[in-house]
Amino acid sequence: MKNEEICPYTVVINTSCDSSKFIRDQISISFGDAYGNQIFAPRLANPNPFEATFEQCSTNTFQINGSCAYQICYAYLKASGPDDWKPENVTINGPTTNSTSFNFSTIIPKDQWYGFNLCDDHHDDSSSHQVYTHTMFLYVLLLLGLLPICFWW
């Protein structure tokens, strides 16, 4: 049940003290609910140009507008750049959803979506870390019969 309304979200990201001291990477986030309501921010940046973003041991807060989600159950991060960025956790608050936190505590792989999908109640939390690539996505579509078999790359 996709929602066409726009809602404001507050995203709080804590960067680990084990992360690189300064992060020059472009950080993107995608999160949403089990009903197809997805919120995407292609580049998280500090609104104050005189303050660094994602410094070691820091907490950064972002305001993001997107589809009104019912309950956030997945979150993915993507880091593009030369540094090793290690977020501790990400907390997402919105007007139509409970506060949801995701504990990353690992360096985000370069140029790949990495995160959690907890939308399925039967999902094993130990396997919730996922590296999402387009190849894997196409393979799943092929297995589900949603992609013609004659598609070769």
Protein backbone atom coordinates (compact mmCIF):
# COMPACT_ATOMS: atom_id res chain seq x y z
CA MET A 1 0.00 0.00 0.00
CA LYS A 2 2.18 2.80 -1.33
CA ASN A 3 1.60 6.23 0.17
CA GLU A 4 1.73 9.30 -2.10
CA GLU A 5 1.98 11.82 0.77
CA ILE A 6 5.32 13.42 1.68
CA CYS A 7 6.59 13.23 5.26
CA PRO A 8 9.63 14.71 7.04
CA TYR A 9 12.15 12.32 8.61
CA THR A 10 14.97 12.91 11.04
CA VAL A 11 17.96 10.64 10.46
CA VAL A 12 20.65 10.52 13.15
CA ILE A 13 23.93 8.83 12.25
CA ASN A 14 26.63 8.10 14.82
CA THR A 15 30.09 7.58 13.33
CA SER A 16 32.42 5.18 15.13
CA CYS A 17 35.60 6.30 16.85
CA ASP A 18 37.25 3.52 14.78
CA SER A 19 36.30 5.32 11.55
CA SER A 20 38.69 7.44 9.50
CA LYS A 21 39.30 10.81 11.19
CA PHE A 22 37.72 12.80 8.36
CA ILE A 23 35.37 11.44 5.71
CA ARG A 24 35.44 12.79 2.18
CA ASP A 25 33.14 10.05 0.89
CA GLN A 26 29.74 10.82 -0.57
CA ILE A 27 27.24 9.07 1.71
CA SER A 28 23.79 8.05 0.46
CA ILE A 29 20.89 6.49 2.37
CA SER A 30 17.80 4.55 1.35
CA PHE A 31 15.16 3.37 3.82
CA GLY A 32 11.52 2.42 3.85
CA ASP A 33 8.74 0.07 4.85
CA ALA A 34 7.33 -3.27 3.71
CA TYR A 35 4.66 -1.55 1.57
CA GLY A 36 6.97 -0.05 -1.04
CA ASN A 37 7.36 3.39 0.52
CA GLN A 38 11.00 4.25 -0.07
CA ILE A 39 12.91 7.33 1.06
CA PHE A 40 16.18 8.10 -0.69
CA ALA A 41 18.81 10.78 -0.15
CA PRO A 42 21.60 10.64 -2.76
CA ARG A 43 24.02 12.75 -0.74
CA LEU A 44 23.92 13.43 2.98
CA ALA A 45 25.64 16.72 3.70
CA ASN A 46 25.92 18.99 6.70
CA PRO A 47 23.72 22.07 6.23
CA ASN A 48 26.49 24.11 7.88
CA PRO A 49 29.40 24.29 5.37
CA PHE A 50 31.82 25.17 8.18
CA GLU A 51 31.25 21.89 10.04
CA ALA A 52 32.62 18.55 8.91
CA THR A 53 30.24 15.64 8.36
CA PHE A 54 30.85 12.06 9.55
CA GLU A 55 33.98 12.87 11.55
CA GLN A 56 35.37 10.22 13.86
CA CYS A 57 33.23 9.87 17.05
CA SER A 58 30.59 12.29 15.74
CA THR A 59 26.81 12.43 15.58
CA ASN A 60 25.15 14.00 12.53
CA THR A 61 21.45 14.78 12.12
CA PHE A 62 19.73 15.14 8.74
CA GLN A 63 16.25 16.21 7.71
CA ILE A 64 14.96 14.19 4.73
CA ASN A 65 11.57 14.40 3.03
CA GLY A 66 10.03 11.37 1.36
CA SER A 67 7.04 9.05 1.09
CA CYS A 68 5.13 8.56 4.32
CA ALA A 69 6.17 5.10 5.55
CA TYR A 70 4.14 3.01 7.97
CA GLN A 71 7.01 1.38 9.86
CA ILE A 72 10.63 1.65 8.75
CA CYS A 73 12.02 -1.88 8.42
CA TYR A 74 15.00 -1.48 6.12
CA ALA A 75 17.93 0.90 5.78
CA TYR A 76 20.88 0.85 3.41
CA LEU A 77 23.94 3.10 3.24
CA LYS A 78 26.34 3.66 0.37
CA ALA A 79 29.79 5.24 0.66
CA SER A 80 31.57 6.46 -2.48
CA GLY A 81 35.05 7.82 -1.99
CA PRO A 82 38.56 7.12 -0.71
CA ASP A 83 37.94 6.83 3.05
CA ASP A 84 36.89 3.98 5.33
CA TRP A 85 33.67 5.15 6.94
CA LYS A 86 32.35 3.14 9.87
CA PRO A 87 28.92 4.19 11.16
CA GLU A 88 27.93 2.82 14.57
CA ASN A 89 24.19 3.23 14.22
CA VAL A 90 21.45 4.98 12.28
CA THR A 91 18.19 6.09 13.92
CA ILE A 92 15.22 7.15 11.79
CA ASN A 93 12.24 9.09 13.15
CA GLY A 94 9.14 10.08 11.20
CA PRO A 95 5.59 11.29 11.86
CA THR A 96 3.92 8.01 10.82
CA THR A 97 6.49 5.49 12.11
CA ASN A 98 8.08 4.51 15.40
CA SER A 99 11.71 5.43 15.94
CA THR A 100 13.83 2.71 14.32
CA SER A 101 17.54 2.07 14.90
CA PHE A 102 19.96 -0.01 12.86
CA ASN A 103 23.31 -1.04 14.35
CA PHE A 104 25.93 -1.08 11.58
CA SER A 105 29.29 -1.12 13.45
CA THR A 106 31.25 -2.02 10.32
CA ILE A 107 33.05 -0.24 7.51
CA ILE A 108 30.64 0.32 4.62
CA PRO A 109 31.91 -1.41 1.45
CA LYS A 110 32.89 1.01 -1.33
CA ASP A 111 30.24 1.85 -3.93
CA GLN A 112 27.77 -0.80 -2.74
CA TRP A 113 24.50 -0.55 -0.85
CA TYR A 114 24.99 -2.15 2.55
CA GLY A 115 22.47 -2.47 5.34
CA PHE A 116 19.52 -4.23 6.88
CA ASN A 117 16.20 -5.53 5.65
CA LEU A 118 14.07 -6.55 8.63
CA CYS A 119 10.72 -6.30 6.82
CA ASP A 120 10.06 -10.05 6.96
CA ASP A 121 9.15 -11.24 10.49
CA HIS A 122 10.67 -14.63 9.73
CA HIS A 123 13.98 -13.10 8.72
CA ASP A 124 17.02 -14.26 10.68
CA ASP A 125 18.70 -11.17 12.19
CA SER A 126 22.14 -12.76 11.85
CA SER A 127 21.79 -12.67 8.06
CA SER A 128 20.27 -9.20 7.83
CA HIS A 129 23.50 -7.50 6.69
CA GLN A 130 23.29 -7.36 2.94
CA VAL A 131 25.53 -6.13 0.21
CA TYR A 132 23.14 -5.11 -2.52
CA THR A 133 24.43 -5.07 -6.07
CA HIS A 134 22.57 -4.79 -9.36
CA THR A 135 23.79 -8.25 -10.42
CA MET A 136 22.21 -9.89 -7.37
CA PHE A 137 18.98 -7.96 -7.95
CA LEU A 138 18.80 -9.10 -11.58
CA TYR A 139 19.50 -12.69 -10.54
CA VAL A 140 16.62 -12.61 -8.04
CA LEU A 141 14.30 -11.20 -10.71
CA LEU A 142 15.37 -14.01 -13.03
CA LEU A 143 14.68 -16.66 -10.37
CA LEU A 144 11.25 -15.19 -9.68
CA GLY A 145 10.41 -15.27 -13.38
CA LEU A 146 10.13 -11.49 -13.52
CA LEU A 147 13.01 -11.14 -16.00
CA PRO A 148 13.06 -12.91 -19.40
CA ILE A 149 15.62 -15.72 -19.59
CA CYS A 150 16.92 -14.31 -22.87
CA PHE A 151 18.40 -11.35 -20.92
CA TRP A 152 22.21 -11.77 -20.99
CA TRP A 153 24.89 -9.37 -19.84
